[in-house]
Amino acid sequence: VQLQASGGGLVQPGGSLRLSCAASGRTFSSYGMAWFRQAPGREREFVAGISWRGGSLMYADSVKGRFTISRDNAKNMVYLQMNSLKPEDTAVYYCARARTSYGSRSASSYGYWGQGTQVTVSS
């Protein structure tokens, strides 16, 4: 299984970005997916998660109402739409595949990780 995250970049506060994660493998639709992020000097933290069919969504309190996670199982893709971005959202964002159909907020629930894409929110 390989995960390839893309879509990061530099954006001004209040702006938007859409992150994409392309997954290899024929069993993508059987597993939960999530986005995590890691800022310099900080631990990796959960951002958003989605169950195998997209019926169950989870968000960190810090991004609730601003970020939206979605997936397209036909394309083996998962997305993170980020709106109203703040400087504190600056981090490397990672997509991850869960060990089960639902995942959790804990990084230990995820067995595969992408390489990360940098998001910088600054004026």
PDB file of N, CA and C in Angstrom:
ATOM      1  N   VAL A   1       0.850  -1.188   0.000  1.00  0.00           N
ATOM      2  CA  VAL A   1       0.000   0.000   0.000  1.00  0.00           C
ATOM      3  C   VAL A   1       0.887   1.238   0.000  1.00  0.00           C
ATOM      4  N   GLN A   2       0.594   2.140  -0.905  1.00  0.00           N
ATOM      5  CA  GLN A   2       1.299   3.417  -0.938  1.00  0.00           C
ATOM      6  C   GLN A   2       0.291   4.555  -0.913  1.00  0.00           C
ATOM      7  N   LEU A   3       0.624   5.590  -0.154  1.00  0.00           N
ATOM      8  CA  LEU A   3      -0.216   6.766  -0.046  1.00  0.00           C
ATOM      9  C   LEU A   3       0.577   7.972  -0.488  1.00  0.00           C
ATOM     10  N   GLN A   4       0.005   8.759  -1.370  1.00  0.00           N
ATOM     11  CA  GLN A   4       0.685   9.931  -1.915  1.00  0.00           C
ATOM     12  C   GLN A   4      -0.170  11.161  -1.672  1.00  0.00           C
ATOM     13  N   ALA A   5       0.297  12.013  -0.752  1.00  0.00           N
ATOM     14  CA  ALA A   5      -0.425  13.244  -0.433  1.00  0.00           C
ATOM     15  C   ALA A   5       0.062  14.389  -1.303  1.00  0.00           C
ATOM     16  N   SER A   6      -0.853  15.269  -1.645  1.00  0.00           N
ATOM     17  CA  SER A   6      -0.510  16.434  -2.457  1.00  0.00           C
ATOM     18  C   SER A   6      -1.484  17.559  -2.159  1.00  0.00           C
ATOM     19  N   GLY A   7      -1.169  18.742  -2.700  1.00  0.00           N
ATOM     20  CA  GLY A   7      -2.079  19.874  -2.570  1.00  0.00           C
ATOM     21  C   GLY A   7      -1.672  20.920  -1.550  1.00  0.00           C
ATOM     22  N   GLY A   8      -0.602  20.692  -0.841  1.00  0.00           N
ATOM     23  CA  GLY A   8      -0.148  21.677   0.113  1.00  0.00           C
ATOM     24  C   GLY A   8       0.432  22.905  -0.564  1.00  0.00           C
ATOM     25  N   GLY A   9       0.717  23.919   0.249  1.00  0.00           N
ATOM     26  CA  GLY A   9       1.291  25.132  -0.298  1.00  0.00           C
ATOM     27  C   GLY A   9       1.224  26.261   0.703  1.00  0.00           C
ATOM     28  N   LEU A  10       1.492  27.445   0.195  1.00  0.00           N
ATOM     29  CA  LEU A  10       1.452  28.671   0.997  1.00  0.00           C
ATOM     30  C   LEU A  10       0.131  29.383   0.745  1.00  0.00           C
ATOM     31  N   VAL A  11      -0.568  29.728   1.804  1.00  0.00           N
ATOM     32  CA  VAL A  11      -1.846  30.411   1.673  1.00  0.00           C
ATOM     33  C   VAL A  11      -1.962  31.462   2.758  1.00  0.00           C
ATOM     34  N   GLN A  12      -2.681  32.523   2.467  1.00  0.00           N
ATOM     35  CA  GLN A  12      -2.879  33.586   3.443  1.00  0.00           C
ATOM     36  C   GLN A  12      -3.942  33.187   4.466  1.00  0.00           C
ATOM     37  N   PRO A  13      -3.871  33.754   5.649  1.00  0.00           N
ATOM     38  CA  PRO A  13      -4.925  33.480   6.641  1.00  0.00           C
ATOM     39  C   PRO A  13      -6.305  33.779   6.055  1.00  0.00           C
ATOM     40  N   GLY A  14      -7.233  32.891   6.347  1.00  0.00           N
ATOM     41  CA  GLY A  14      -8.577  33.008   5.792  1.00  0.00           C
ATOM     42  C   GLY A  14      -8.757  32.303   4.461  1.00  0.00           C
ATOM     43  N   GLY A  15      -7.666  31.855   3.880  1.00  0.00           N
ATOM     44  CA  GLY A  15      -7.734  31.185   2.591  1.00  0.00           C
ATOM     45  C   GLY A  15      -8.101  29.714   2.699  1.00  0.00           C
ATOM     46  N   SER A  16      -8.084  29.062   1.539  1.00  0.00           N
ATOM     47  CA  SER A  16      -8.480  27.649   1.456  1.00  0.00           C
ATOM     48  C   SER A  16      -7.456  26.833   0.688  1.00  0.00           C
ATOM     49  N   LEU A  17      -7.399  25.573   1.023  1.00  0.00           N
ATOM     50  CA  LEU A  17      -6.605  24.588   0.292  1.00  0.00           C
ATOM     51  C   LEU A  17      -7.358  23.275   0.291  1.00  0.00           C
ATOM     52  N   ARG A  18      -7.111  22.478  -0.732  1.00  0.00           N
ATOM     53  CA  ARG A  18      -7.671  21.135  -0.775  1.00  0.00           C
ATOM     54  C   ARG A  18      -6.533  20.138  -0.905  1.00  0.00           C
ATOM     55  N   LEU A  19      -6.385  19.308   0.082  1.00  0.00           N
ATOM     56  CA  LEU A  19      -5.383  18.257   0.050  1.00  0.00           C
ATOM     57  C   LEU A  19      -5.984  16.992  -0.553  1.00  0.00           C
ATOM     58  N   SER A  20      -5.152  16.266  -1.286  1.00  0.00           N
ATOM     59  CA  SER A  20      -5.570  15.000  -1.879  1.00  0.00           C
ATOM     60  C   SER A  20      -4.602  13.905  -1.456  1.00  0.00           C
ATOM     61  N   CYS A  21      -5.117  12.707  -1.368  1.00  0.00           N
ATOM     62  CA  CYS A  21      -4.281  11.557  -1.041  1.00  0.00           C
ATOM     63  C   CYS A  21      -4.679  10.417  -1.966  1.00  0.00           C
ATOM     64  N   ALA A  22      -3.742   9.982  -2.781  1.00  0.00           N
ATOM     65  CA  ALA A  22      -3.974   8.876  -3.701  1.00  0.00           C
ATOM     66  C   ALA A  22      -3.429   7.595  -3.081  1.00  0.00           C
ATOM     67  N   ALA A  23      -4.258   6.557  -3.069  1.00  0.00           N
ATOM     68  CA  ALA A  23      -3.865   5.294  -2.458  1.00  0.00           C
ATOM     69  C   ALA A  23      -3.769   4.195  -3.499  1.00  0.00           C
ATOM     70  N   SER A  24      -2.766   3.376  -3.350  1.00  0.00           N
ATOM     71  CA  SER A  24      -2.640   2.206  -4.220  1.00  0.00           C
ATOM     72  C   SER A  24      -3.340   1.027  -3.562  1.00  0.00           C
ATOM     73  N   GLY A  25      -3.569  -0.036  -4.328  1.00  0.00           N
ATOM     74  CA  GLY A  25      -4.155  -1.244  -3.756  1.00  0.00           C
ATOM     75  C   GLY A  25      -5.631  -1.390  -4.055  1.00  0.00           C
ATOM     76  N   ARG A  26      -6.083  -2.622  -4.090  1.00  0.00           N
ATOM     77  CA  ARG A  26      -7.471  -2.898  -4.452  1.00  0.00           C
ATOM     78  C   ARG A  26      -8.415  -2.913  -3.267  1.00  0.00           C
ATOM     79  N   THR A  27      -7.884  -2.761  -2.053  1.00  0.00           N
ATOM     80  CA  THR A  27      -8.731  -2.856  -0.864  1.00  0.00           C
ATOM     81  C   THR A  27      -8.950  -1.511  -0.196  1.00  0.00           C
ATOM     82  N   PHE A  28      -8.691  -0.436  -0.920  1.00  0.00           N
ATOM     83  CA  PHE A  28      -8.820   0.910  -0.346  1.00  0.00           C
ATOM     84  C   PHE A  28     -10.182   1.111   0.307  1.00  0.00           C
ATOM     85  N   SER A  29     -11.240   0.670  -0.363  1.00  0.00           N
ATOM     86  CA  SER A  29     -12.591   0.944   0.108  1.00  0.00           C
ATOM     87  C   SER A  29     -12.954   0.172   1.373  1.00  0.00           C
ATOM     88  N   SER A  30     -12.104  -0.718   1.827  1.00  0.00           N
ATOM     89  CA  SER A  30     -12.398  -1.510   3.024  1.00  0.00           C
ATOM     90  C   SER A  30     -11.884  -0.877   4.308  1.00  0.00           C
ATOM     91  N   TYR A  31     -11.156   0.208   4.190  1.00  0.00           N
ATOM     92  CA  TYR A  31     -10.465   0.759   5.359  1.00  0.00           C
ATOM     93  C   TYR A  31     -10.799   2.222   5.612  1.00  0.00           C
ATOM     94  N   GLY A  32     -10.795   2.553   6.908  1.00  0.00           N
ATOM     95  CA  GLY A  32     -10.907   3.946   7.264  1.00  0.00           C
ATOM     96  C   GLY A  32      -9.650   4.710   6.871  1.00  0.00           C
ATOM     97  N   MET A  33      -9.809   6.005   6.685  1.00  0.00           N
ATOM     98  CA  MET A  33      -8.696   6.879   6.320  1.00  0.00           C
ATOM     99  C   MET A  33      -8.705   8.105   7.225  1.00  0.00           C
ATOM    100  N   ALA A  34      -7.579   8.757   7.312  1.00  0.00           N
ATOM    101  CA  ALA A  34      -7.503   9.941   8.164  1.00  0.00           C
ATOM    102  C   ALA A  34      -6.402  10.867   7.686  1.00  0.00           C
ATOM    103  N   TRP A  35      -6.490  12.088   8.182  1.00  0.00           N
ATOM    104  CA  TRP A  35      -5.432  13.078   8.019  1.00  0.00           C
ATOM    105  C   TRP A  35      -4.899  13.426   9.407  1.00  0.00           C
ATOM    106  N   PHE A  36      -3.597  13.473   9.510  1.00  0.00           N
ATOM    107  CA  PHE A  36      -2.898  13.944  10.695  1.00  0.00           C
ATOM    108  C   PHE A  36      -1.998  15.103  10.277  1.00  0.00           C
ATOM    109  N   ARG A  37      -1.518  15.842  11.247  1.00  0.00           N
ATOM    110  CA  ARG A  37      -0.566  16.908  10.941  1.00  0.00           C
ATOM    111  C   ARG A  37       0.475  17.004  12.042  1.00  0.00           C
ATOM    112  N   GLN A  38       1.617  17.558  11.657  1.00  0.00           N
ATOM    113  CA  GLN A  38       2.700  17.747  12.613  1.00  0.00           C
ATOM    114  C   GLN A  38       3.382  19.071  12.355  1.00  0.00           C
ATOM    115  N   ALA A  39       3.320  19.927  13.338  1.00  0.00           N
ATOM    116  CA  ALA A  39       3.998  21.220  13.282  1.00  0.00           C
ATOM    117  C   ALA A  39       5.389  21.093  13.897  1.00  0.00           C
ATOM    118  N   PRO A  40       6.312  21.969  13.527  1.00  0.00           N
ATOM    119  CA  PRO A  40       7.667  21.901  14.080  1.00  0.00           C
ATOM    120  C   PRO A  40       7.659  21.922  15.604  1.00  0.00           C
ATOM    121  N   GLY A  41       8.382  20.983  16.201  1.00  0.00           N
ATOM    122  CA  GLY A  41       8.484  20.937  17.645  1.00  0.00           C
ATOM    123  C   GLY A  41       7.274  20.375  18.361  1.00  0.00           C
ATOM    124  N   ARG A  42       6.314  19.874  17.598  1.00  0.00           N
ATOM    125  CA  ARG A  42       5.091  19.352  18.213  1.00  0.00           C
ATOM    126  C   ARG A  42       4.867  17.912  17.777  1.00  0.00           C
ATOM    127  N   GLU A  43       4.060  17.209  18.540  1.00  0.00           N
ATOM    128  CA  GLU A  43       3.738  15.838  18.195  1.00  0.00           C
ATOM    129  C   GLU A  43       2.714  15.805  17.058  1.00  0.00           C
ATOM    130  N   ARG A  44       2.707  14.689  16.359  1.00  0.00           N
ATOM    131  CA  ARG A  44       1.710  14.505  15.309  1.00  0.00           C
ATOM    132  C   ARG A  44       0.323  14.452  15.944  1.00  0.00           C
ATOM    133  N   GLU A  45      -0.623  15.134  15.334  1.00  0.00           N
ATOM    134  CA  GLU A  45      -1.963  15.183  15.896  1.00  0.00           C
ATOM    135  C   GLU A  45      -3.023  14.825  14.858  1.00  0.00           C
ATOM    136  N   PHE A  46      -4.083  14.241  15.344  1.00  0.00           N
ATOM    137  CA  PHE A  46      -5.216  13.875  14.501  1.00  0.00           C
ATOM    138  C   PHE A  46      -5.929  15.132  14.012  1.00  0.00           C
ATOM    139  N   VAL A  47      -6.331  15.100  12.730  1.00  0.00           N
ATOM    140  CA  VAL A  47      -7.072  16.216  12.146  1.00  0.00           C
ATOM    141  C   VAL A  47      -8.503  15.788  11.798  1.00  0.00           C
ATOM    142  N   ALA A  48      -8.617  14.728  10.991  1.00  0.00           N
ATOM    143  CA  ALA A  48      -9.936  14.282  10.531  1.00  0.00           C
ATOM    144  C   ALA A  48      -9.862  12.825  10.110  1.00  0.00           C
ATOM    145  N   GLY A  49     -10.984  12.115  10.268  1.00  0.00           N
ATOM    146  CA  GLY A  49     -11.033  10.721   9.872  1.00  0.00           C
ATOM    147  C   GLY A  49     -12.354  10.393   9.213  1.00  0.00           C
ATOM    148  N   ILE A  50     -12.331   9.369   8.362  1.00  0.00           N
ATOM    149  CA  ILE A  50     -13.527   8.961   7.636  1.00  0.00           C
ATOM    150  C   ILE A  50     -13.561   7.440   7.571  1.00  0.00           C
ATOM    151  N   SER A  51     -14.743   6.873   7.768  1.00  0.00           N
ATOM    152  CA  SER A  51     -14.885   5.423   7.740  1.00  0.00           C
ATOM    153  C   SER A  51     -14.859   4.898   6.316  1.00  0.00           C
ATOM    154  N   TRP A  52     -14.873   3.589   6.182  1.00  0.00           N
ATOM    155  CA  TRP A  52     -14.650   2.954   4.893  1.00  0.00           C
ATOM    156  C   TRP A  52     -15.629   3.365   3.819  1.00  0.00           C
ATOM    157  N   ARG A  53     -16.876   3.627   4.153  1.00  0.00           N
ATOM    158  CA  ARG A  53     -17.862   4.034   3.160  1.00  0.00           C
ATOM    159  C   ARG A  53     -18.223   5.510   3.292  1.00  0.00           C
ATOM    160  N   GLY A  54     -17.534   6.190   4.192  1.00  0.00           N
ATOM    161  CA  GLY A  54     -17.762   7.618   4.341  1.00  0.00           C
ATOM    162  C   GLY A  54     -18.916   7.992   5.242  1.00  0.00           C
ATOM    163  N   GLY A  55     -19.520   7.020   5.898  1.00  0.00           N
ATOM    164  CA  GLY A  55     -20.691   7.324   6.711  1.00  0.00           C
ATOM    165  C   GLY A  55     -20.375   7.855   8.091  1.00  0.00           C
ATOM    166  N   SER A  56     -19.149   7.677   8.538  1.00  0.00           N
ATOM    167  CA  SER A  56     -18.741   8.133   9.858  1.00  0.00           C
ATOM    168  C   SER A  56     -17.560   9.071   9.720  1.00  0.00           C
ATOM    169  N   LEU A  57     -17.699  10.284  10.253  1.00  0.00           N
ATOM    170  CA  LEU A  57     -16.665  11.304  10.155  1.00  0.00           C
ATOM    171  C   LEU A  57     -16.233  11.726  11.560  1.00  0.00           C
ATOM    172  N   MET A  58     -14.961  12.051  11.692  1.00  0.00           N
ATOM    173  CA  MET A  58     -14.422  12.556  12.961  1.00  0.00           C
ATOM    174  C   MET A  58     -13.548  13.764  12.657  1.00  0.00           C
ATOM    175  N   TYR A  59     -13.578  14.746  13.544  1.00  0.00           N
ATOM    176  CA  TYR A  59     -12.760  15.943  13.391  1.00  0.00           C
ATOM    177  C   TYR A  59     -12.152  16.335  14.730  1.00  0.00           C
ATOM    178  N   ALA A  60     -10.956  16.869  14.668  1.00  0.00           N
ATOM    179  CA  ALA A  60     -10.386  17.507  15.847  1.00  0.00           C
ATOM    180  C   ALA A  60     -11.185  18.772  16.135  1.00  0.00           C
ATOM    181  N   ASP A  61     -11.307  19.116  17.391  1.00  0.00           N
ATOM    182  CA  ASP A  61     -12.069  20.312  17.761  1.00  0.00           C
ATOM    183  C   ASP A  61     -11.499  21.569  17.105  1.00  0.00           C
ATOM    184  N   SER A  62     -10.208  21.586  16.901  1.00  0.00           N
ATOM    185  CA  SER A  62      -9.550  22.769  16.362  1.00  0.00           C
ATOM    186  C   SER A  62      -9.890  23.032  14.899  1.00  0.00           C
ATOM    187  N   VAL A  63     -10.398  22.032  14.187  1.00  0.00           N
ATOM    188  CA  VAL A  63     -10.698  22.206  12.765  1.00  0.00           C
ATOM    189  C   VAL A  63     -12.175  22.028  12.450  1.00  0.00           C
ATOM    190  N   LYS A  64     -12.967  21.644  13.428  1.00  0.00           N
ATOM    191  CA  LYS A  64     -14.383  21.393  13.205  1.00  0.00           C
ATOM    192  C   LYS A  64     -15.067  22.647  12.682  1.00  0.00           C
ATOM    193  N   GLY A  65     -15.850  22.467  11.607  1.00  0.00           N
ATOM    194  CA  GLY A  65     -16.532  23.603  11.001  1.00  0.00           C
ATOM    195  C   GLY A  65     -15.718  24.307   9.933  1.00  0.00           C
ATOM    196  N   ARG A  66     -14.437  24.005   9.859  1.00  0.00           N
ATOM    197  CA  ARG A  66     -13.573  24.628   8.853  1.00  0.00           C
ATOM    198  C   ARG A  66     -13.035  23.611   7.846  1.00  0.00           C
ATOM    199  N   PHE A  67     -12.774  22.408   8.295  1.00  0.00           N
ATOM    200  CA  PHE A  67     -12.222  21.360   7.434  1.00  0.00           C
ATOM    201  C   PHE A  67     -13.289  20.308   7.136  1.00  0.00           C
ATOM    202  N   THR A  68     -13.195  19.716   5.957  1.00  0.00           N
ATOM    203  CA  THR A  68     -14.100  18.641   5.572  1.00  0.00           C
ATOM    204  C   THR A  68     -13.308  17.507   4.935  1.00  0.00           C
ATOM    205  N   ILE A  69     -13.471  16.305   5.472  1.00  0.00           N
ATOM    206  CA  ILE A  69     -12.821  15.136   4.895  1.00  0.00           C
ATOM    207  C   ILE A  69     -13.839  14.396   4.038  1.00  0.00           C
ATOM    208  N   SER A  70     -13.369  13.853   2.924  1.00  0.00           N
ATOM    209  CA  SER A  70     -14.230  13.089   2.042  1.00  0.00           C
ATOM    210  C   SER A  70     -13.381  12.032   1.333  1.00  0.00           C
ATOM    211  N   ARG A  71     -14.066  11.100   0.674  1.00  0.00           N
ATOM    212  CA  ARG A  71     -13.333  10.068  -0.051  1.00  0.00           C
ATOM    213  C   ARG A  71     -14.112   9.670  -1.293  1.00  0.00           C
ATOM    214  N   ASP A  72     -13.377   9.171  -2.269  1.00  0.00           N
ATOM    215  CA  ASP A  72     -13.961   8.650  -3.498  1.00  0.00           C
ATOM    216  C   ASP A  72     -13.383   7.250  -3.678  1.00  0.00           C
ATOM    217  N   ASN A  73     -14.126   6.252  -3.298  1.00  0.00           N
ATOM    218  CA  ASN A  73     -13.605   4.884  -3.350  1.00  0.00           C
ATOM    219  C   ASN A  73     -13.384   4.388  -4.777  1.00  0.00           C
ATOM    220  N   ALA A  74     -14.114   4.937  -5.724  1.00  0.00           N
ATOM    221  CA  ALA A  74     -13.924   4.534  -7.117  1.00  0.00           C
ATOM    222  C   ALA A  74     -12.570   4.991  -7.650  1.00  0.00           C
ATOM    223  N   LYS A  75     -12.056   6.061  -7.059  1.00  0.00           N
ATOM    224  CA  LYS A  75     -10.772   6.615  -7.505  1.00  0.00           C
ATOM    225  C   LYS A  75      -9.640   6.355  -6.515  1.00  0.00           C
ATOM    226  N   ASN A  76      -9.927   5.669  -5.426  1.00  0.00           N
ATOM    227  CA  ASN A  76      -8.910   5.437  -4.387  1.00  0.00           C
ATOM    228  C   ASN A  76      -8.320   6.753  -3.873  1.00  0.00           C
ATOM    229  N   MET A  77      -9.193   7.706  -3.600  1.00  0.00           N
ATOM    230  CA  MET A  77      -8.752   9.030  -3.187  1.00  0.00           C
ATOM    231  C   MET A  77      -9.440   9.437  -1.881  1.00  0.00           C
ATOM    232  N   VAL A  78      -8.716  10.194  -1.080  1.00  0.00           N
ATOM    233  CA  VAL A  78      -9.290  10.846   0.086  1.00  0.00           C
ATOM    234  C   VAL A  78      -8.860  12.306   0.040  1.00  0.00           C
ATOM    235  N   TYR A  79      -9.743  13.183   0.488  1.00  0.00           N
ATOM    236  CA  TYR A  79      -9.523  14.617   0.377  1.00  0.00           C
ATOM    237  C   TYR A  79      -9.683  15.296   1.733  1.00  0.00           C
ATOM    238  N   LEU A  80      -9.060  16.450   1.836  1.00  0.00           N
ATOM    239  CA  LEU A  80      -9.268  17.310   3.000  1.00  0.00           C
ATOM    240  C   LEU A  80      -9.436  18.733   2.484  1.00  0.00           C
ATOM    241  N   GLN A  81     -10.663  19.217   2.528  1.00  0.00           N
ATOM    242  CA  GLN A  81     -10.951  20.601   2.164  1.00  0.00           C
ATOM    243  C   GLN A  81     -10.748  21.463   3.400  1.00  0.00           C
ATOM    244  N   MET A  82      -9.854  22.425   3.293  1.00  0.00           N
ATOM    245  CA  MET A  82      -9.517  23.280   4.432  1.00  0.00           C
ATOM    246  C   MET A  82      -9.892  24.713   4.116  1.00  0.00           C
ATOM    247  N   ASN A  83     -10.821  25.254   4.865  1.00  0.00           N
ATOM    248  CA  ASN A  83     -11.278  26.630   4.696  1.00  0.00           C
ATOM    249  C   ASN A  83     -10.944  27.455   5.933  1.00  0.00           C
ATOM    250  N   SER A  84     -11.004  28.745   5.774  1.00  0.00           N
ATOM    251  CA  SER A  84     -10.742  29.666   6.893  1.00  0.00           C
ATOM    252  C   SER A  84      -9.451  29.308   7.603  1.00  0.00           C
ATOM    253  N   LEU A  85      -8.423  29.117   6.846  1.00  0.00           N
ATOM    254  CA  LEU A  85      -7.153  28.667   7.412  1.00  0.00           C
ATOM    255  C   LEU A  85      -6.542  29.714   8.331  1.00  0.00           C
ATOM    256  N   LYS A  86      -5.884  29.223   9.359  1.00  0.00           N
ATOM    257  CA  LYS A  86      -5.256  30.063  10.370  1.00  0.00           C
ATOM    258  C   LYS A  86      -3.751  29.750  10.415  1.00  0.00           C
ATOM    259  N   PRO A  87      -2.948  30.680  10.896  1.00  0.00           N
ATOM    260  CA  PRO A  87      -1.507  30.400  11.003  1.00  0.00           C
ATOM    261  C   PRO A  87      -1.212  29.140  11.816  1.00  0.00           C
ATOM    262  N   GLU A  88      -2.036  28.851  12.796  1.00  0.00           N
ATOM    263  CA  GLU A  88      -1.810  27.664  13.622  1.00  0.00           C
ATOM    264  C   GLU A  88      -2.117  26.361  12.896  1.00  0.00           C
ATOM    265  N   ASP A  89      -2.656  26.448  11.696  1.00  0.00           N
ATOM    266  CA  ASP A  89      -2.850  25.254  10.869  1.00  0.00           C
ATOM    267  C   ASP A  89      -1.572  24.872  10.120  1.00  0.00           C
ATOM    268  N   THR A  90      -0.568  25.704  10.196  1.00  0.00           N
ATOM    269  CA  THR A  90       0.695  25.420   9.518  1.00  0.00           C
ATOM    270  C   THR A  90       1.318  24.132  10.057  1.00  0.00           C
ATOM    271  N   ALA A  91       1.591  23.199   9.163  1.00  0.00           N
ATOM    272  CA  ALA A  91       2.128  21.901   9.553  1.00  0.00           C
ATOM    273  C   ALA A  91       2.365  21.066   8.300  1.00  0.00           C
ATOM    274  N   VAL A  92       3.012  19.948   8.486  1.00  0.00           N
ATOM    275  CA  VAL A  92       3.054  18.919   7.449  1.00  0.00           C
ATOM    276  C   VAL A  92       1.844  18.020   7.674  1.00  0.00           C
ATOM    277  N   TYR A  93       1.076  17.825   6.614  1.00  0.00           N
ATOM    278  CA  TYR A  93      -0.145  17.034   6.707  1.00  0.00           C
ATOM    279  C   TYR A  93       0.100  15.654   6.097  1.00  0.00           C
ATOM    280  N   TYR A  94      -0.323  14.632   6.830  1.00  0.00           N
ATOM    281  CA  TYR A  94      -0.137  13.243   6.416  1.00  0.00           C
ATOM    282  C   TYR A  94      -1.478  12.542   6.271  1.00  0.00           C
ATOM    283  N   CYS A  95      -1.626  11.759   5.218  1.00  0.00           N
ATOM    284  CA  CYS A  95      -2.783  10.881   5.142  1.00  0.00           C
ATOM    285  C   CYS A  95      -2.356   9.502   5.645  1.00  0.00           C
ATOM    286  N   ALA A  96      -3.328   8.781   6.172  1.00  0.00           N
ATOM    287  CA  ALA A  96      -3.039   7.483   6.766  1.00  0.00           C
ATOM    288  C   ALA A  96      -4.202   6.532   6.541  1.00  0.00           C
ATOM    289  N   ARG A  97      -3.865   5.245   6.394  1.00  0.00           N
ATOM    290  CA  ARG A  97      -4.889   4.224   6.235  1.00  0.00           C
ATOM    291  C   ARG A  97      -5.035   3.435   7.526  1.00  0.00           C
ATOM    292  N   ALA A  98      -6.251   3.300   7.972  1.00  0.00           N
ATOM    293  CA  ALA A  98      -6.519   2.602   9.228  1.00  0.00           C
ATOM    294  C   ALA A  98      -6.303   1.099   9.099  1.00  0.00           C
ATOM    295  N   ARG A  99      -6.174   0.446  10.243  1.00  0.00           N
ATOM    296  CA  ARG A  99      -6.040  -1.016  10.275  1.00  0.00           C
ATOM    297  C   ARG A  99      -7.410  -1.690  10.173  1.00  0.00           C
ATOM    298  N   THR A 100      -8.456  -0.909  10.360  1.00  0.00           N
ATOM    299  CA  THR A 100      -9.819  -1.436  10.316  1.00  0.00           C
ATOM    300  C   THR A 100     -10.691  -0.547   9.432  1.00  0.00           C
ATOM    301  N   SER A 101     -11.975  -0.826   9.417  1.00  0.00           N
ATOM    302  CA  SER A 101     -12.894  -0.070   8.568  1.00  0.00           C
ATOM    303  C   SER A 101     -13.207   1.326   9.098  1.00  0.00           C
ATOM    304  N   TYR A 102     -12.861   1.587  10.377  1.00  0.00           N
ATOM    305  CA  TYR A 102     -13.274   2.867  10.948  1.00  0.00           C
ATOM    306  C   TYR A 102     -12.124   3.727  11.428  1.00  0.00           C
ATOM    307  N   GLY A 103     -11.056   3.170  11.920  1.00  0.00           N
ATOM    308  CA  GLY A 103      -9.983   3.979  12.460  1.00  0.00           C
ATOM    309  C   GLY A 103     -10.376   4.635  13.765  1.00  0.00           C
ATOM    310  N   SER A 104      -9.564   5.566  14.210  1.00  0.00           N
ATOM    311  CA  SER A 104      -9.831   6.292  15.449  1.00  0.00           C
ATOM    312  C   SER A 104      -9.022   7.572  15.432  1.00  0.00           C
ATOM    313  N   ARG A 105      -8.991   8.279  16.530  1.00  0.00           N
ATOM    314  CA  ARG A 105      -8.197   9.504  16.633  1.00  0.00           C
ATOM    315  C   ARG A 105      -6.747   9.219  17.002  1.00  0.00           C
ATOM    316  N   SER A 106      -6.438   7.980  17.259  1.00  0.00           N
ATOM    317  CA  SER A 106      -5.093   7.605  17.676  1.00  0.00           C
ATOM    318  C   SER A 106      -4.250   7.155  16.487  1.00  0.00           C
ATOM    319  N   ALA A 107      -3.038   7.663  16.420  1.00  0.00           N
ATOM    320  CA  ALA A 107      -2.141   7.295  15.325  1.00  0.00           C
ATOM    321  C   ALA A 107      -1.853   5.798  15.309  1.00  0.00           C
ATOM    322  N   SER A 108      -1.958   5.149  16.449  1.00  0.00           N
ATOM    323  CA  SER A 108      -1.668   3.716  16.521  1.00  0.00           C
ATOM    324  C   SER A 108      -2.693   2.874  15.768  1.00  0.00           C
ATOM    325  N   SER A 109      -3.826   3.478  15.393  1.00  0.00           N
ATOM    326  CA  SER A 109      -4.866   2.767  14.647  1.00  0.00           C
ATOM    327  C   SER A 109      -4.573   2.703  13.156  1.00  0.00           C
ATOM    328  N   TYR A 110      -3.484   3.331  12.738  1.00  0.00           N
ATOM    329  CA  TYR A 110      -3.192   3.456  11.315  1.00  0.00           C
ATOM    330  C   TYR A 110      -1.876   2.756  10.993  1.00  0.00           C
ATOM    331  N   GLY A 111      -1.915   1.940   9.946  1.00  0.00           N
ATOM    332  CA  GLY A 111      -0.763   1.127   9.621  1.00  0.00           C
ATOM    333  C   GLY A 111       0.043   1.611   8.427  1.00  0.00           C
ATOM    334  N   TYR A 112      -0.548   2.504   7.643  1.00  0.00           N
ATOM    335  CA  TYR A 112       0.142   3.012   6.464  1.00  0.00           C
ATOM    336  C   TYR A 112       0.050   4.538   6.452  1.00  0.00           C
ATOM    337  N   TRP A 113       1.157   5.155   6.085  1.00  0.00           N
ATOM    338  CA  TRP A 113       1.256   6.610   6.106  1.00  0.00           C
ATOM    339  C   TRP A 113       1.837   7.117   4.791  1.00  0.00           C
ATOM    340  N   GLY A 114       1.322   8.271   4.354  1.00  0.00           N
ATOM    341  CA  GLY A 114       1.893   8.935   3.201  1.00  0.00           C
ATOM    342  C   GLY A 114       3.113   9.749   3.609  1.00  0.00           C
ATOM    343  N   GLN A 115       3.715  10.403   2.643  1.00  0.00           N
ATOM    344  CA  GLN A 115       4.967  11.114   2.880  1.00  0.00           C
ATOM    345  C   GLN A 115       4.765  12.516   3.436  1.00  0.00           C
ATOM    346  N   GLY A 116       3.553  13.039   3.404  1.00  0.00           N
ATOM    347  CA  GLY A 116       3.297  14.357   3.944  1.00  0.00           C
ATOM    348  C   GLY A 116       3.359  15.457   2.909  1.00  0.00           C
ATOM    349  N   THR A 117       2.553  16.483   3.111  1.00  0.00           N
ATOM    350  CA  THR A 117       2.571  17.668   2.261  1.00  0.00           C
ATOM    351  C   THR A 117       2.521  18.898   3.167  1.00  0.00           C
ATOM    352  N   GLN A 118       3.368  19.876   2.858  1.00  0.00           N
ATOM    353  CA  GLN A 118       3.508  21.052   3.714  1.00  0.00           C
ATOM    354  C   GLN A 118       2.391  22.055   3.454  1.00  0.00           C
ATOM    355  N   VAL A 119       1.769  22.506   4.528  1.00  0.00           N
ATOM    356  CA  VAL A 119       0.791  23.588   4.474  1.00  0.00           C
ATOM    357  C   VAL A 119       1.320  24.734   5.333  1.00  0.00           C
ATOM    358  N   THR A 120       1.454  25.894   4.726  1.00  0.00           N
ATOM    359  CA  THR A 120       1.931  27.075   5.437  1.00  0.00           C
ATOM    360  C   THR A 120       0.897  28.175   5.301  1.00  0.00           C
ATOM    361  N   VAL A 121       0.430  28.664   6.436  1.00  0.00           N
ATOM    362  CA  VAL A 121      -0.560  29.739   6.450  1.00  0.00           C
ATOM    363  C   VAL A 121       0.111  30.992   7.002  1.00  0.00           C
ATOM    364  N   SER A 122       0.312  31.944   6.138  1.00  0.00           N
ATOM    365  CA  SER A 122       1.061  33.133   6.530  1.00  0.00           C
ATOM    366  C   SER A 122       0.733  34.269   5.589  1.00  0.00           C
ATOM    367  N   SER A 123       0.775  35.480   6.126  1.00  0.00           N
ATOM    368  CA  SER A 123       0.568  36.657   5.291  1.00  0.00           C
ATOM    369  C   SER A 123       1.911  37.210   4.826  1.00  0.00           C
TER     370      SER A 123
END
